[in-house]
Amino acid sequence: MTREYTILKNVQEELRLTTSFGSNTVPKSTTVTRWIQEESADIELRSNAIFGSNLESSVYFDYDGSGVFRFPDADIISITGFEFNVNARGLVPSWITLEEGFDKNFIVYDDEAEVHFVGGENATYKVMPTSGQQKFRVTYSRGQESTPLSVQKLCTLLVAKRTIQSLSNSQSNSEGGTIQVGTIRVTEPGNYSISYLKSLDAEIDKLWDYIGKNINTFRYVRVYD
């Protein structure tokens, strides 16, 4: 799945374009869309995080029998299927569906990515899961339901920078040429690159630093009143 952490409109507004990207513009809308996908992938690679929802289907997990199951990643958006293998190791698995609720099998702390087993009286299967390898088979959504604004802005600026660089490279080959992007007109491409790209770089660096320090995969600590 190719994620896109910004949209063409955001890039157009950042560059103050009077004409929207399309099939006849330079660069074309398809080119800018590809840049958005590439920069989005690079953001995930550098931050080691996914800034959107991701469905994990029928994933197998071991269990230590502690009464608390911790997902390897946070945040958890929702759990749509939680199954427990009641058979011992070496036997053909026999799966039962565990139910969420204080009076059923488990409760979920989404932010901490934890499942606590409660052994409620109203559960269809009144079991407390035991330890073992691949005891759980889970379908769940993880990540974030919407892209953080800081990530969206970073992606927008990265693509805007590539757009300016592309225009600079293509239009500055002839001495004395000009660059025009929307309502922006610069008579000396070299000056445009130095001044505008320098300000973009400073803002991009600031956003990378913020994301690295403040947006990551972590578990919250619960506080009880």
Protein backbone atom coordinates (compact mmCIF):
# COMPACT_ATOMS: atom_id res chain seq x y z
CA MET A 1 0.00 0.00 0.00
CA THR A 2 1.45 3.34 -1.10
CA ARG A 3 0.64 6.07 1.38
CA GLU A 4 0.35 9.73 0.51
CA TYR A 5 0.88 12.13 3.40
CA THR A 6 -0.12 15.20 1.46
CA ILE A 7 -2.21 16.08 -1.61
CA LEU A 8 -1.63 18.03 -4.80
CA LYS A 9 -3.70 20.96 -3.51
CA ASN A 10 -1.39 21.44 -0.51
CA VAL A 11 1.68 21.58 -2.76
CA GLN A 12 -0.07 24.00 -5.11
CA GLU A 13 -0.96 26.29 -2.20
CA GLU A 14 2.56 26.11 -0.77
CA LEU A 15 3.95 27.25 -4.13
CA ARG A 16 1.13 29.80 -4.61
CA LEU A 17 0.21 28.34 -7.98
CA THR A 18 -2.54 30.02 -9.97
CA THR A 19 -2.96 26.94 -12.15
CA SER A 20 -3.53 23.45 -10.74
CA PHE A 21 -1.22 20.61 -11.68
CA GLY A 22 -2.61 18.71 -14.66
CA SER A 23 -1.69 16.64 -17.68
CA ASN A 24 -0.33 19.67 -19.58
CA THR A 25 1.55 21.44 -16.76
CA VAL A 26 5.26 21.23 -16.02
CA PRO A 27 5.64 19.18 -13.94
CA LYS A 28 2.55 17.06 -14.66
CA SER A 29 0.13 16.08 -11.91
CA THR A 30 1.17 12.42 -12.33
CA THR A 31 4.79 13.38 -11.71
CA VAL A 32 3.99 15.37 -8.57
CA THR A 33 1.77 12.54 -7.30
CA ARG A 34 4.70 10.14 -7.72
CA TRP A 35 6.90 12.54 -5.77
CA ILE A 36 4.30 12.61 -2.99
CA GLN A 37 4.38 8.81 -2.82
CA GLU A 38 8.18 8.73 -2.83
CA GLU A 39 8.53 11.36 -0.10
CA SER A 40 5.82 9.64 1.97
CA ALA A 41 7.75 6.37 1.77
CA ASP A 42 10.95 8.16 2.77
CA ILE A 43 9.23 9.72 5.80
CA GLU A 44 8.17 6.23 6.96
CA LEU A 45 11.66 4.85 6.36
CA ARG A 46 13.48 7.63 8.22
CA SER A 47 11.03 7.82 11.13
CA ASN A 48 10.43 4.05 11.34
CA ALA A 49 6.72 4.77 11.73
CA ILE A 50 3.48 4.63 9.77
CA PHE A 51 1.33 7.74 10.08
CA GLY A 52 -1.98 6.19 9.15
CA SER A 53 -4.10 3.13 9.85
CA ASN A 54 -2.84 -0.30 8.88
CA LEU A 55 -4.93 -3.50 8.97
CA GLU A 56 -3.17 -6.61 10.25
CA SER A 57 -5.12 -9.78 9.42
CA SER A 58 -4.84 -13.11 11.28
CA VAL A 59 -1.48 -12.42 12.92
CA TYR A 60 -0.17 -15.11 15.28
CA PHE A 61 1.29 -14.20 18.68
CA ASP A 62 2.95 -16.11 21.49
CA TYR A 63 1.68 -15.57 25.04
CA ASP A 64 3.48 -15.70 28.39
CA GLY A 65 0.41 -16.43 30.52
CA SER A 66 0.78 -13.27 32.60
CA GLY A 67 -2.82 -12.15 32.19
CA VAL A 68 -1.76 -9.24 29.98
CA PHE A 69 -1.00 -9.45 26.28
CA ARG A 70 1.08 -6.61 24.83
CA PHE A 71 1.10 -5.94 21.12
CA PRO A 72 4.58 -5.36 19.70
CA ASP A 73 3.49 -1.97 18.37
CA ALA A 74 1.28 0.92 19.46
CA ASP A 75 -1.18 2.57 18.96
CA ILE A 76 -3.99 0.07 18.48
CA ILE A 77 -7.04 1.56 16.75
CA SER A 78 -9.34 -1.43 17.03
CA ILE A 79 -9.43 -5.22 17.38
CA THR A 80 -11.88 -6.98 15.08
CA GLY A 81 -10.91 -10.56 15.85
CA PHE A 82 -9.17 -12.12 18.86
CA GLU A 83 -8.88 -15.92 18.88
CA PHE A 84 -7.27 -18.29 21.37
CA ASN A 85 -5.94 -21.78 20.65
CA VAL A 86 -7.22 -24.02 23.45
CA ASN A 87 -5.14 -27.04 22.41
CA ALA A 88 -1.70 -27.86 23.74
CA ARG A 89 1.45 -27.57 21.68
CA GLY A 90 1.79 -30.34 19.11
CA LEU A 91 -1.94 -30.80 18.60
CA VAL A 92 -3.98 -29.39 15.75
CA PRO A 93 -5.05 -25.87 16.83
CA SER A 94 -8.62 -25.40 18.03
CA TRP A 95 -9.59 -21.74 17.92
CA ILE A 96 -12.24 -20.04 19.99
CA THR A 97 -13.22 -16.38 19.68
CA LEU A 98 -12.63 -14.28 22.77
CA GLU A 99 -14.99 -11.37 23.44
CA GLU A 100 -14.25 -7.82 24.57
CA GLY A 101 -15.94 -6.44 27.69
CA PHE A 102 -15.55 -6.17 31.45
CA ASP A 103 -17.98 -9.05 31.92
CA LYS A 104 -16.49 -11.15 29.10
CA ASN A 105 -12.95 -12.26 28.18
CA PHE A 106 -10.82 -9.13 27.90
CA ILE A 107 -10.60 -5.37 27.96
CA VAL A 108 -8.37 -3.28 25.70
CA TYR A 109 -6.17 -0.26 26.39
CA ASP A 110 -5.65 1.10 22.88
CA ASP A 111 -2.98 3.70 23.60
CA GLU A 112 -0.83 1.24 25.53
CA ALA A 113 -1.56 -1.57 23.03
CA GLU A 114 -2.46 -3.92 25.88
CA VAL A 115 -5.15 -6.59 26.30
CA HIS A 116 -6.08 -7.53 29.89
CA PHE A 117 -7.90 -10.81 30.45
CA VAL A 118 -10.73 -10.58 32.98
CA GLY A 119 -12.56 -13.93 32.87
CA GLY A 120 -16.02 -12.40 32.92
CA GLU A 121 -19.13 -14.39 33.79
CA ASN A 122 -20.99 -13.47 30.61
CA ALA A 123 -18.37 -14.67 28.14
CA THR A 124 -19.40 -17.34 25.66
CA TYR A 125 -16.20 -19.23 26.49
CA LYS A 126 -15.24 -18.77 30.15
CA VAL A 127 -11.50 -19.28 29.81
CA MET A 128 -8.33 -17.59 31.00
CA PRO A 129 -5.73 -17.97 28.23
CA THR A 130 -2.69 -20.10 29.04
CA SER A 131 0.87 -19.56 27.86
CA GLY A 132 2.36 -21.03 24.71
CA GLN A 133 3.58 -20.42 21.20
CA GLN A 134 1.13 -18.91 18.70
CA LYS A 135 -1.72 -19.05 21.21
CA PHE A 136 -3.44 -15.98 19.73
CA ARG A 137 -4.65 -15.22 16.22
CA VAL A 138 -5.58 -11.56 15.96
CA THR A 139 -6.99 -9.20 13.34
CA TYR A 140 -6.56 -5.55 14.26
CA SER A 141 -5.91 -2.04 13.01
CA ARG A 142 -2.87 -0.16 14.22
CA GLY A 143 -1.31 3.23 13.69
CA GLN A 144 -3.14 6.53 13.53
CA GLU A 145 -6.57 7.25 12.12
CA SER A 146 -5.43 10.50 10.50
CA THR A 147 -2.09 11.93 9.39
CA PRO A 148 -0.54 14.34 11.94
CA LEU A 149 -0.39 17.88 10.61
CA SER A 150 3.37 18.03 11.13
CA VAL A 151 3.85 14.98 8.89
CA GLN A 152 1.51 16.43 6.26
CA LYS A 153 3.42 19.71 6.29
CA LEU A 154 6.77 17.95 6.02
CA CYS A 155 5.63 15.95 3.00
CA THR A 156 4.19 19.09 1.40
CA LEU A 157 7.47 20.99 1.79
CA LEU A 158 9.56 18.08 0.53
CA VAL A 159 7.46 17.86 -2.64
CA ALA A 160 7.45 21.64 -3.07
CA LYS A 161 11.23 21.56 -2.86
CA ARG A 162 11.43 18.89 -5.56
CA THR A 163 9.11 20.93 -7.76
CA ILE A 164 11.30 24.02 -7.45
CA GLN A 165 14.45 22.01 -8.06
CA SER A 166 12.92 20.45 -11.15
CA LEU A 167 11.91 23.86 -12.52
CA SER A 168 15.30 25.32 -11.70
CA ASN A 169 17.13 22.52 -13.46
CA SER A 170 14.96 22.67 -16.57
CA GLN A 171 14.74 26.45 -16.95
CA SER A 172 18.17 27.64 -15.90
CA ASN A 173 20.07 25.89 -18.66
CA SER A 174 19.95 29.00 -20.80
CA GLU A 175 21.79 32.00 -19.35
CA GLY A 176 19.48 34.80 -18.29
CA GLY A 177 16.41 32.60 -18.25
CA THR A 178 13.48 33.04 -15.89
CA ILE A 179 11.37 30.84 -13.62
CA GLN A 180 7.64 31.28 -13.26
CA VAL A 181 5.59 29.18 -10.84
CA GLY A 182 2.05 30.46 -10.57
CA THR A 183 2.32 34.11 -9.58
CA ILE A 184 6.01 33.81 -8.66
CA ARG A 185 8.38 35.15 -11.30
CA VAL A 186 12.14 35.25 -10.74
CA THR A 187 14.55 36.65 -13.30
CA GLU A 188 17.57 34.80 -11.93
CA PRO A 189 17.00 31.08 -11.23
CA GLY A 190 20.16 30.86 -9.13
CA ASN A 191 18.87 33.43 -6.66
CA TYR A 192 15.51 31.68 -6.48
CA SER A 193 17.18 28.41 -5.55
CA ILE A 194 19.41 29.94 -2.93
CA SER A 195 16.83 32.05 -1.13
CA TYR A 196 13.66 29.99 -1.32
CA LEU A 197 15.20 26.54 -1.02
CA LYS A 198 17.27 27.70 1.93
CA SER A 199 14.10 28.70 3.81
CA LEU A 200 12.47 25.41 2.83
CA ASP A 201 15.46 23.45 4.10
CA ALA A 202 15.33 25.20 7.47
CA GLU A 203 11.63 24.43 7.91
CA ILE A 204 12.11 20.82 6.72
CA ASP A 205 14.94 20.28 9.20
CA LYS A 206 12.80 21.66 12.02
CA LEU A 207 9.95 19.31 11.15
CA TRP A 208 12.26 16.28 10.92
CA ASP A 209 13.57 17.13 14.37
CA TYR A 210 10.05 17.49 15.79
CA ILE A 211 8.83 14.22 14.32
CA GLY A 212 11.89 12.37 15.56
CA LYS A 213 11.40 13.60 19.12
CA ASN A 214 7.62 13.73 19.47
CA ILE A 215 5.99 11.27 17.08
CA ASN A 216 6.98 7.67 17.56
CA THR A 217 5.67 4.31 18.60
CA PHE A 218 5.26 4.24 22.36
CA ARG A 219 2.93 3.14 25.15
CA TYR A 220 1.26 5.52 27.51
CA VAL A 221 1.33 5.04 31.26
CA ARG A 222 -2.12 4.81 32.79
CA VAL A 223 -2.92 7.06 35.73
CA TYR A 224 -5.80 6.08 38.03
CA ASP A 225 -7.74 8.71 39.98
